Each structure stands twice: as structure tokens, then as C-alpha cells.
Amino acid sequence: MSGIGTMRKKCLDSRFGTKAVWHGTHIIEGSVVTPIFNSSTYQLTDDIYDGWEEGAQHTLLYSRVSSLNSEAVAARVATLENAEDGEMFDSGMSAISATLLALLSKGDHMVGCGDMYGGAYGLITEDLPRFGIEATMADIRDPSSYAAAIKPNTKILYVETITNPVLKVCDLEAMAAIAKKNNLIAICDNTFASPWACNPISMGFDLVIHSGSKYLGGHSDLIGGLVVGNKELISEIFSKKITMGGAADPNMCFLLERGIKTLHVRMPAHTQNAAELAKRLNVHPMIESVNHCSLPDYADYQVAQRIIPKGNGMLSYVVKGGNEAALHYLRSLELIFEATSLGGVESLAECPFNTSHMFVPEEVRNELGIVPGFVRMSVGIEDVEDLWDDMDNALESTKTFVNS
């Protein structure tokens, strides 16, 4: 990528933490951080004209397309994911939409999974068919089901590293092999893992998508999205960014660049806290089951050891007593916040049945594993003993509620 700041040569071959802090920084007048460039447009020069004639999307022209701040973030995430190139968007859903609409045309087919992010699921199953694009939903835990769903007109294989909210772990290596064998474009939403925990491109994927609002930003104060990967594919996606909109605000990009700088420091705290809470919940009398990659009895434990060996900060569990008991539990929490989203420094918990999956029929939720009493928790970086005290007290209150 061109135009990404004077630190590129100094940190390009550095380790993850150094890249997270420095890569892509625009040093202006000796600044240690990239300043916020609120300019809506940039001066026209011969270099700009030459750049656009060559189709170079990183030539700065107009902020509805890109800005110095969005370029800084795209460069940073691209290098953290071992990608050739990247584009910044105003939301994760914008990145997903531009990617699929850039690479799929009328008559094409793609394979996804039934329990992917709800916004992506709606786009793939409701909107794309209106344009003559077909999709088949397979089992993300079973690569052979993806292989069986491939048709002569299949063009894309789409997965998530970790699904929401059951936290199934995808065997990315097996999926990438299937895509390569069938000459498909392999796309992975790596939001739930983060580049710190997993690099799908290193496992054979062509493109990686992120919601910057989650672990990358890390402070629950922005909305943004990225797609990184193969340079030629990114160029195609860029063309849809121009026609569909979706450019990222420079102020948001400034916050996101700042958040990424501490990703490698925050993630160990997230994952260690989640593993400890999972272990304690797993033996609690008010809990029916726990989903976390650190538990040896979890269905995806073996796969997780290969794909996300550093662990994960997401946790889900089933409270005994059904949905009413789960809601009572959430509303008995005094430290942990009942809210949607994830990946921030603070712990958040929610019930999917009345948030992310409220419009999904109950029988479908049950089939996916979102049974009555299901709680999804984004574990923050607070002291784990304070988190456990809050959860244990709320579970004790819920026990009284259920038995009353």
C-alpha cells in the first residue's frame, strides 16, 4: 500500500505488538500519532491524476472515498493480518456488503453458514437473491457439508472464525483447502477472534473481514469495518465502495487507530478472564452448559487448539430456568452491563432471544444451540474476582427466583 506514512520501513518486519503500535502512522510535522484530517477533499496534482489513471485506490482525492486517517487504519490491519492490501469502511456490515456485491453477479452461488452474523445472514438470504445470486447454508463445524454444497456456479466460500453466539470454532485450514480445490474465493469474518488470535490469510484465505467496533477498537466508542487480503480482490471491492458509499469518517478512524495500538495488551486479559470464568461456571449448580474454547469438554476444543490457540474473550452459557431466569440473572448483575456488542474493555452480557436473534423462530434458535436460558457474554479486562463475585451473586439471586 502506498502513502501509509514514514514508519512503514521501520516496522514492516517487526513483531505483532510493534506493528500494532506503529504501522501505518502518518508522521506530520514530527507528530507521534496520525493527526485527524477533516478535509473533505485533497489538492489535485499530476501525481493524483496519474494514480487514478492506474487505478490506484490509495491515491488521496476525496474523503468520500478515503482519507489519510482511513489509509492509516487499513494499512495497520492489513499488516496485522499478513494481507497485501485493505480498505476501511464506516461499518462492518458495509464492508461485508461491498465485498459480496463486488465479487458476486447474477447467476453466481455462494456457501455460508446458518448461524453467521445476523446482518450478513439477512443480506445473503434476503437481499442477494433479489439480484439473482443464490446461497446455500452449510454446517460450519462440518467442512464436508461445505464441500457438498458447492455447485458449478459457486464462487465464494464464506465462514466466520468463531460464530455468534454459540461460539463454534471453524476449521479454517480445512475450509481453505476446500476453497482452493474448487477454485473459490475464501472469505473469513475474523471479528470474534481478532488478528492477535488468528490470521486466516496465513491459513489460505483470500479475504478477511473485521468489524472495527469490536476488539480492534476495544472501547465501545466507534462503528467501523475493514476488509483486507488479496490486492486484486481489494481493488474490485474498492470500486463498490465508491458507488455504494461507506467511506469511514476520519474522526472514527483516529479512535480506531488508537484502539489497535493496545490490541496485543488487551487480548491476553480478555482471554484469561474468559477462561477462568468458564472454568468456574462449568461447575456452578445454576449453569446447564458452557461454551468456551478453553474447556476440554467443549465440542470444538480440539479445533480451537489449532485455529485459536491463544484463546478467546467471548463466553456463552445456559442458565437453568429458561429465558425468564436468564433475564433475572442479567438484571441482578451490578457490575457487568446488559448490552449488545462485544470486544470492549468492559464486560457486557445479553440474551440472544430478545436481541440479536429475536426475529429467529424459536425452533431454529434451538436447532442452532440458542436454547432457553442462553446468555452471551463479552468478557472485559476488569479484575476477574470482581466479575466472578458479580456473576455468583446474580446466580444466587436467580436460584431463589427459580425456586420461588
Protein backbone atom coordinates (compact mmCIF):
# COMPACT_ATOMS: atom_id res chain seq x y z
CA MET A 1 0.00 0.00 0.00
CA SER A 2 1.28 3.47 -0.84
CA GLY A 3 1.02 6.65 1.17
CA ILE A 4 0.80 4.98 4.57
CA GLY A 5 3.31 7.02 6.50
CA THR A 6 7.01 7.22 7.15
CA MET A 7 7.11 4.41 9.75
CA ARG A 8 6.42 1.62 7.26
CA LYS A 9 10.04 0.66 6.52
CA LYS A 10 10.99 0.82 10.19
CA CYS A 11 8.32 -1.58 11.44
CA LEU A 12 7.29 -3.69 8.44
CA ASP A 13 9.38 -6.66 9.57
CA SER A 14 8.73 -6.17 13.28
CA ARG A 15 6.68 -8.37 15.59
CA PHE A 16 2.93 -8.08 16.16
CA GLY A 17 2.99 -5.60 19.06
CA THR A 18 5.35 -3.20 17.29
CA LYS A 19 3.26 -3.29 14.12
CA ALA A 20 0.10 -2.67 16.15
CA VAL A 21 1.64 0.45 17.68
CA TRP A 22 3.41 1.93 14.66
CA HIS A 23 2.48 0.51 11.27
CA GLY A 24 0.64 2.97 9.04
CA THR A 25 1.19 6.00 11.26
CA HIS A 26 1.36 9.26 9.29
CA ILE A 27 4.05 11.38 10.88
CA ILE A 28 3.18 15.01 10.13
CA GLU A 29 5.44 17.76 11.41
CA GLY A 30 7.01 15.27 13.80
CA SER A 31 3.70 14.01 15.26
CA VAL A 32 3.84 10.73 17.17
CA VAL A 33 0.24 9.89 16.15
CA THR A 34 -1.64 10.39 12.90
CA PRO A 35 -3.48 13.75 13.19
CA ILE A 36 -7.18 13.91 12.32
CA PHE A 37 -7.61 15.13 8.74
CA ASN A 38 -11.14 16.51 8.46
CA SER A 39 -10.56 17.78 4.95
CA SER A 40 -13.30 16.61 2.58
CA THR A 41 -11.06 16.92 -0.47
CA TYR A 42 -7.39 16.99 -1.48
CA GLN A 43 -5.42 19.15 -3.91
CA LEU A 44 -5.33 17.87 -7.47
CA THR A 45 -1.81 17.25 -8.73
CA ASP A 46 -0.21 15.35 -11.59
CA ASP A 47 0.58 12.51 -9.14
CA ILE A 48 -3.10 12.18 -8.26
CA TYR A 49 -4.17 12.14 -11.89
CA ASP A 50 -1.51 9.55 -12.70
CA GLY A 51 -2.53 7.44 -9.72
CA TRP A 52 -6.20 7.36 -10.65
CA GLU A 53 -5.40 6.56 -14.27
CA GLU A 54 -3.56 3.49 -12.96
CA GLY A 55 -6.50 2.53 -10.74
CA ALA A 56 -4.55 3.08 -7.54
CA GLN A 57 -7.24 3.33 -4.87
CA HIS A 58 -4.83 4.69 -2.27
CA THR A 59 -4.33 7.93 -4.14
CA LEU A 60 -5.97 10.57 -1.96
CA LEU A 61 -8.57 12.59 -3.82
CA TYR A 62 -11.83 12.90 -1.91
CA SER A 63 -12.80 11.79 1.62
CA ARG A 64 -15.98 10.08 0.43
CA VAL A 65 -13.52 7.57 -0.98
CA SER A 66 -10.67 7.59 1.55
CA SER A 67 -8.68 9.86 3.82
CA LEU A 68 -5.27 9.88 5.40
CA ASN A 69 -6.86 8.52 8.57
CA SER A 70 -8.64 5.65 6.85
CA GLU A 71 -5.45 4.79 4.96
CA ALA A 72 -3.54 4.59 8.25
CA VAL A 73 -6.01 2.10 9.75
CA ALA A 74 -6.31 -0.03 6.61
CA ALA A 75 -2.53 -0.32 6.42
CA ARG A 76 -2.25 -1.30 10.08
CA VAL A 77 -4.88 -4.04 9.95
CA ALA A 78 -3.57 -5.35 6.63
CA THR A 79 -0.11 -5.89 8.09
CA LEU A 80 -1.51 -7.47 11.28
CA GLU A 81 -3.45 -9.95 9.11
CA ASN A 82 -0.49 -10.60 6.76
CA ALA A 83 -2.57 -9.17 3.90
CA GLU A 84 -1.41 -7.49 0.70
CA ASP A 85 -3.92 -4.66 0.87
CA GLY A 86 -7.00 -3.40 2.67
CA GLU A 87 -9.93 -0.98 2.67
CA MET A 88 -11.62 0.86 5.54
CA PHE A 89 -15.42 1.23 5.76
CA ASP A 90 -17.89 3.02 8.01
CA SER A 91 -19.17 -0.26 9.49
CA GLY A 92 -18.51 -3.98 9.41
CA MET A 93 -21.78 -4.53 7.57
CA SER A 94 -20.73 -2.00 4.94
CA ALA A 95 -17.50 -3.96 4.42
CA ILE A 96 -19.45 -7.22 4.06
CA SER A 97 -21.97 -5.73 1.61
CA ALA A 98 -19.34 -4.11 -0.61
CA THR A 99 -17.28 -7.31 -0.64
CA LEU A 100 -20.10 -9.64 -1.67
CA LEU A 101 -21.62 -7.24 -4.20
CA ALA A 102 -18.22 -6.64 -5.76
CA LEU A 103 -17.42 -10.33 -6.21
CA LEU A 104 -20.82 -11.85 -6.99
CA SER A 105 -23.01 -11.33 -10.06
CA LYS A 106 -26.36 -12.57 -11.30
CA GLY A 107 -26.24 -16.34 -11.65
CA ASP A 108 -23.49 -16.85 -9.06
CA HIS A 109 -23.74 -19.01 -5.95
CA MET A 110 -22.02 -18.89 -2.55
CA VAL A 111 -21.83 -21.14 0.50
CA GLY A 112 -22.21 -19.76 4.03
CA CYS A 113 -23.40 -20.96 7.43
CA GLY A 114 -26.78 -20.69 9.13
CA ASP A 115 -25.50 -19.15 12.37
CA MET A 116 -23.38 -16.37 10.91
CA TYR A 117 -23.75 -12.72 11.96
CA GLY A 118 -27.41 -11.73 11.60
CA GLY A 119 -26.79 -8.77 9.29
CA ALA A 120 -24.72 -10.89 6.92
CA TYR A 121 -27.31 -13.68 7.05
CA GLY A 122 -30.06 -11.24 6.07
CA LEU A 123 -28.03 -9.83 3.19
CA ILE A 124 -27.17 -13.28 1.85
CA THR A 125 -30.58 -14.91 2.23
CA GLU A 126 -32.95 -11.99 1.57
CA ASP A 127 -31.20 -9.32 -0.50
CA LEU A 128 -28.75 -11.17 -2.75
CA PRO A 129 -31.49 -13.47 -4.17
CA ARG A 130 -33.25 -10.31 -5.45
CA PHE A 131 -30.23 -9.83 -7.73
CA GLY A 132 -30.19 -13.44 -8.90
CA ILE A 133 -27.46 -14.57 -6.51
CA GLU A 134 -28.05 -17.90 -4.78
CA ALA A 135 -26.72 -19.07 -1.41
CA THR A 136 -26.60 -22.39 0.42
CA MET A 137 -26.17 -22.57 4.19
CA ALA A 138 -23.94 -25.38 5.46
CA ASP A 139 -22.67 -26.54 8.87
CA ILE A 140 -19.61 -24.53 9.88
CA ARG A 141 -18.49 -27.40 12.14
CA ASP A 142 -18.50 -29.79 9.18
CA PRO A 143 -16.23 -28.81 6.26
CA SER A 144 -17.62 -31.71 4.25
CA SER A 145 -21.05 -30.04 4.30
CA TYR A 146 -19.48 -27.00 2.63
CA ALA A 147 -17.88 -29.24 0.02
CA ALA A 148 -21.22 -30.95 -0.61
CA ALA A 149 -22.96 -27.59 -1.11
CA ILE A 150 -20.63 -26.44 -3.91
CA LYS A 151 -22.22 -26.11 -7.36
CA PRO A 152 -20.77 -25.41 -10.81
CA ASN A 153 -21.66 -21.71 -10.36
CA THR A 154 -20.30 -21.40 -6.81
CA LYS A 155 -17.86 -18.52 -6.48
CA ILE A 156 -17.45 -17.79 -2.74
CA LEU A 157 -16.92 -19.84 0.42
CA TYR A 158 -17.81 -17.68 3.44
CA VAL A 159 -17.09 -18.53 7.08
CA GLU A 160 -16.57 -16.95 10.49
CA THR A 161 -13.63 -17.91 12.69
CA ILE A 162 -15.97 -18.06 15.68
CA THR A 163 -19.74 -17.93 15.29
CA ASN A 164 -22.20 -15.79 17.19
CA PRO A 165 -23.46 -16.57 19.79
CA VAL A 166 -22.80 -20.32 20.19
CA LEU A 167 -19.06 -19.73 19.58
CA LYS A 168 -18.48 -22.61 17.21
CA VAL A 169 -14.86 -22.63 16.01
CA CYS A 170 -14.35 -23.10 12.28
CA ASP A 171 -11.63 -25.39 10.94
CA LEU A 172 -10.17 -22.67 8.73
CA GLU A 173 -7.41 -24.87 7.35
CA ALA A 174 -9.89 -27.45 6.08
CA MET A 175 -12.20 -24.78 4.67
CA ALA A 176 -9.36 -23.04 2.85
CA ALA A 177 -8.29 -26.36 1.31
CA ILE A 178 -11.84 -26.92 0.03
CA ALA A 179 -11.94 -23.43 -1.47
CA LYS A 180 -8.58 -23.87 -3.18
CA LYS A 181 -9.52 -27.28 -4.58
CA ASN A 182 -12.69 -25.83 -6.10
CA ASN A 183 -11.15 -22.51 -7.21
CA LEU A 184 -13.37 -20.47 -4.91
CA ILE A 185 -12.76 -17.12 -3.21
CA ALA A 186 -12.37 -17.89 0.51
CA ILE A 187 -13.67 -15.16 2.84
CA CYS A 188 -13.49 -15.20 6.64
CA ASP A 189 -15.08 -12.84 9.16
CA ASN A 190 -12.39 -12.79 11.85
CA THR A 191 -14.10 -10.27 14.16
CA PHE A 192 -14.63 -12.58 17.15
CA ALA A 193 -11.00 -13.75 17.15
CA SER A 194 -9.06 -10.58 16.16
CA PRO A 195 -5.74 -10.61 14.26
CA TRP A 196 -3.96 -11.22 17.58
CA ALA A 197 -5.61 -14.63 17.98
CA CYS A 198 -5.91 -15.81 14.38
CA ASN A 199 -4.70 -14.97 10.86
CA PRO A 200 -6.96 -16.68 8.30
CA ILE A 201 -4.86 -15.45 5.37
CA SER A 202 -1.92 -17.45 6.70
CA MET A 203 -4.21 -20.48 6.62
CA GLY A 204 -5.14 -19.97 2.97
CA PHE A 205 -7.98 -17.43 2.91
CA ASP A 206 -8.18 -14.71 0.27
CA LEU A 207 -10.04 -12.06 2.25
CA VAL A 208 -10.60 -11.27 5.93
CA ILE A 209 -13.37 -9.01 7.24
CA HIS A 210 -13.49 -7.21 10.59
CA SER A 211 -15.96 -5.13 12.50
CA GLY A 212 -13.64 -2.45 13.87
CA SER A 213 -16.22 -1.73 16.56
CA LYS A 214 -15.24 -4.86 18.46
CA TYR A 215 -11.77 -5.98 19.61
CA LEU A 216 -9.86 -3.73 17.20
CA GLY A 217 -11.40 -0.55 18.61
CA GLY A 218 -11.73 -2.10 22.04
CA HIS A 219 -13.51 0.72 23.87
CA SER A 220 -17.16 0.60 22.70
CA ASP A 221 -16.94 4.09 21.23
CA LEU A 222 -16.94 3.66 17.43
CA ILE A 223 -18.52 1.91 14.45
CA GLY A 224 -16.25 0.82 11.60
CA GLY A 225 -15.32 -2.07 9.33
CA LEU A 226 -12.45 -3.40 7.23
CA VAL A 227 -11.69 -5.93 4.54
CA VAL A 228 -8.09 -6.98 3.89
CA GLY A 229 -6.45 -9.57 1.68
CA ASN A 230 -5.57 -10.22 -1.94
CA LYS A 231 -4.65 -6.97 -3.70
CA GLU A 232 -6.62 -7.64 -6.89
CA LEU A 233 -9.77 -8.55 -4.96
CA ILE A 234 -9.42 -5.47 -2.73
CA SER A 235 -9.27 -3.34 -5.87
CA GLU A 236 -12.59 -4.79 -7.04
CA ILE A 237 -14.14 -4.15 -3.63
CA PHE A 238 -12.85 -0.58 -3.68
CA SER A 239 -14.89 0.14 -6.83
CA LYS A 240 -18.08 -0.78 -4.96
CA LYS A 241 -17.03 1.39 -2.03
CA ILE A 242 -17.10 4.34 -4.44
CA THR A 243 -20.53 3.59 -5.89
CA MET A 244 -22.21 2.40 -2.67
CA GLY A 245 -20.68 4.87 -0.24
CA GLY A 246 -19.41 3.52 3.05
CA ALA A 247 -16.28 5.66 3.45
CA ALA A 248 -15.07 5.94 7.04
CA ASP A 249 -15.14 9.19 8.99
CA PRO A 250 -11.62 10.47 9.85
CA ASN A 251 -12.57 11.02 13.50
CA MET A 252 -13.70 7.40 13.85
CA CYS A 253 -10.52 6.21 12.13
CA PHE A 254 -8.45 8.19 14.64
CA LEU A 255 -10.17 6.35 17.51
CA LEU A 256 -9.78 3.01 15.78
CA GLU A 257 -6.08 3.54 15.10
CA ARG A 258 -5.62 4.41 18.78
CA GLY A 259 -7.52 1.30 19.88
CA ILE A 260 -5.47 -1.05 17.71
CA LYS A 261 -2.28 0.13 19.40
CA THR A 262 -3.21 -1.76 22.58
CA LEU A 263 -4.79 -4.85 21.00
CA HIS A 264 -1.89 -7.13 21.95
CA VAL A 265 -2.03 -5.87 25.55
CA ARG A 266 -5.81 -6.14 25.97
CA MET A 267 -6.39 -9.52 24.38
CA PRO A 268 -4.49 -11.63 26.94
CA ALA A 269 -6.60 -10.08 29.71
CA HIS A 270 -9.83 -10.79 27.80
CA THR A 271 -8.91 -14.40 27.12
CA GLN A 272 -7.52 -15.18 30.58
CA ASN A 273 -10.58 -13.73 32.29
CA ALA A 274 -12.93 -15.64 29.98
CA ALA A 275 -11.12 -18.94 30.56
CA GLU A 276 -11.25 -18.51 34.33
CA LEU A 277 -14.94 -17.61 34.34
CA ALA A 278 -15.71 -20.53 32.00
CA LYS A 279 -13.99 -22.93 34.39
CA ARG A 280 -16.00 -21.66 37.37
CA LEU A 281 -19.31 -21.56 35.51
CA ASN A 282 -18.75 -25.11 34.30
CA VAL A 283 -19.17 -26.44 37.85
CA HIS A 284 -21.80 -24.00 39.07
CA PRO A 285 -25.11 -25.64 40.04
CA MET A 286 -27.18 -22.94 38.30
CA ILE A 287 -25.47 -23.45 34.93
CA GLU A 288 -26.53 -26.16 32.47
CA SER A 289 -23.69 -25.80 29.96
CA VAL A 290 -20.80 -23.52 28.99
CA ASN A 291 -19.33 -22.69 25.57
CA HIS A 292 -15.67 -21.69 25.64
CA CYS A 293 -12.67 -22.87 23.66
CA SER A 294 -10.58 -23.45 26.82
CA LEU A 295 -12.82 -26.21 28.20
CA PRO A 296 -11.65 -29.75 27.27
CA ASP A 297 -15.27 -30.95 27.15
CA TYR A 298 -16.32 -28.25 24.69
CA ALA A 299 -17.30 -29.60 21.26
CA ASP A 300 -14.71 -27.53 19.37
CA TYR A 301 -11.85 -27.84 21.85
CA GLN A 302 -9.51 -29.77 19.53
CA VAL A 303 -10.15 -27.50 16.55
CA ALA A 304 -9.65 -24.42 18.74
CA GLN A 305 -6.22 -25.63 19.81
CA ARG A 306 -5.13 -25.35 16.16
CA ILE A 307 -7.12 -22.34 14.98
CA ILE A 308 -7.19 -20.01 18.04
CA PRO A 309 -4.58 -21.46 20.44
CA LYS A 310 -4.24 -18.14 22.29
CA GLY A 311 -7.89 -18.35 23.37
CA ASN A 312 -10.88 -16.06 23.10
CA GLY A 313 -12.65 -13.44 25.19
CA MET A 314 -16.19 -14.48 24.27
CA LEU A 315 -18.20 -16.78 26.52
CA SER A 316 -21.72 -18.21 26.40
CA TYR A 317 -23.63 -20.33 28.88
CA VAL A 318 -27.10 -21.57 29.72
CA VAL A 319 -28.75 -20.52 32.99
CA LYS A 320 -31.10 -23.09 34.50
CA GLY A 321 -34.73 -21.98 34.48
CA GLY A 322 -35.11 -20.77 30.90
CA ASN A 323 -35.29 -17.30 29.44
CA GLU A 324 -37.04 -15.71 32.40
CA ALA A 325 -34.31 -16.97 34.71
CA ALA A 326 -31.63 -15.71 32.31
CA LEU A 327 -33.20 -12.26 32.25
CA HIS A 328 -33.45 -12.23 36.04
CA TYR A 329 -29.76 -13.15 36.17
CA LEU A 330 -28.78 -10.33 33.81
CA ARG A 331 -30.81 -7.77 35.73
CA SER A 332 -29.28 -8.91 39.02
CA LEU A 333 -25.79 -8.06 37.77
CA GLU A 334 -24.39 -4.87 39.26
CA LEU A 335 -21.00 -4.60 37.54
CA ILE A 336 -21.46 -6.41 34.24
CA PHE A 337 -23.54 -4.35 31.78
CA GLU A 338 -26.55 -5.77 29.94
CA ALA A 339 -25.95 -4.63 26.38
CA THR A 340 -25.31 -5.86 22.87
CA SER A 341 -21.95 -5.70 21.01
CA LEU A 342 -18.62 -7.07 22.24
CA GLY A 343 -14.87 -6.66 22.38
CA GLY A 344 -14.70 -3.62 24.65
CA VAL A 345 -12.66 -3.32 27.81
CA GLU A 346 -15.86 -3.58 29.84
CA SER A 347 -17.83 -6.82 30.29
CA LEU A 348 -21.19 -7.00 28.50
CA ALA A 349 -23.86 -9.70 28.61
CA GLU A 350 -27.12 -10.29 26.73
CA CYS A 351 -29.78 -12.87 25.89
CA PRO A 352 -29.86 -13.53 22.13
CA PHE A 353 -33.56 -14.48 22.22
CA ASN A 354 -34.55 -10.82 22.78
CA THR A 355 -31.65 -9.11 20.98
CA SER A 356 -29.63 -10.49 18.06
CA HIS A 357 -31.92 -13.47 17.38
CA MET A 358 -35.29 -12.08 18.43
CA PHE A 359 -36.75 -12.49 14.93
CA VAL A 360 -35.43 -16.03 14.51
CA PRO A 361 -38.14 -18.65 15.14
CA GLU A 362 -37.69 -20.49 18.44
CA GLU A 363 -37.32 -23.89 16.78
CA VAL A 364 -34.49 -22.52 14.62
CA ARG A 365 -32.80 -20.97 17.65
CA ASN A 366 -32.96 -24.31 19.46
CA GLU A 367 -31.51 -26.09 16.45
CA LEU A 368 -28.58 -23.66 16.41
CA GLY A 369 -27.95 -24.23 20.12
CA ILE A 370 -29.54 -21.00 21.36
CA VAL A 371 -31.75 -22.78 23.88
CA PRO A 372 -33.87 -21.19 26.64
CA GLY A 373 -31.64 -19.62 29.29
CA PHE A 374 -28.83 -18.88 26.82
CA VAL A 375 -26.56 -15.93 27.71
CA ARG A 376 -23.74 -14.47 25.61
CA MET A 377 -21.00 -12.58 27.43
CA SER A 378 -18.17 -10.43 26.14
CA VAL A 379 -15.63 -10.70 28.94
CA GLY A 380 -13.79 -7.46 29.65
CA ILE A 381 -10.47 -6.72 31.27
CA GLU A 382 -11.77 -5.95 34.78
CA ASP A 383 -10.38 -7.87 37.75
CA VAL A 384 -11.66 -11.41 37.32
CA GLU A 385 -12.57 -11.75 41.02
CA ASP A 386 -14.86 -8.73 40.78
CA LEU A 387 -16.51 -10.21 37.71
CA TRP A 388 -16.99 -13.56 39.42
CA ASP A 389 -18.40 -12.00 42.59
CA ASP A 390 -20.97 -10.18 40.46
CA MET A 391 -21.91 -13.30 38.48
CA ASP A 392 -22.03 -15.57 41.52
CA ASN A 393 -24.26 -13.15 43.43
CA ALA A 394 -26.59 -12.81 40.43
CA LEU A 395 -26.79 -16.59 40.03
CA GLU A 396 -27.62 -16.98 43.73
CA SER A 397 -30.42 -14.43 43.32
CA THR A 398 -31.63 -16.31 40.24
CA LYS A 399 -31.66 -19.58 42.17
CA THR A 400 -34.06 -18.01 44.66
CA PHE A 401 -36.16 -16.64 41.77
CA VAL A 402 -36.40 -20.05 40.07
CA ASN A 403 -37.29 -21.87 43.29
CA SER A 404 -39.88 -19.34 44.44
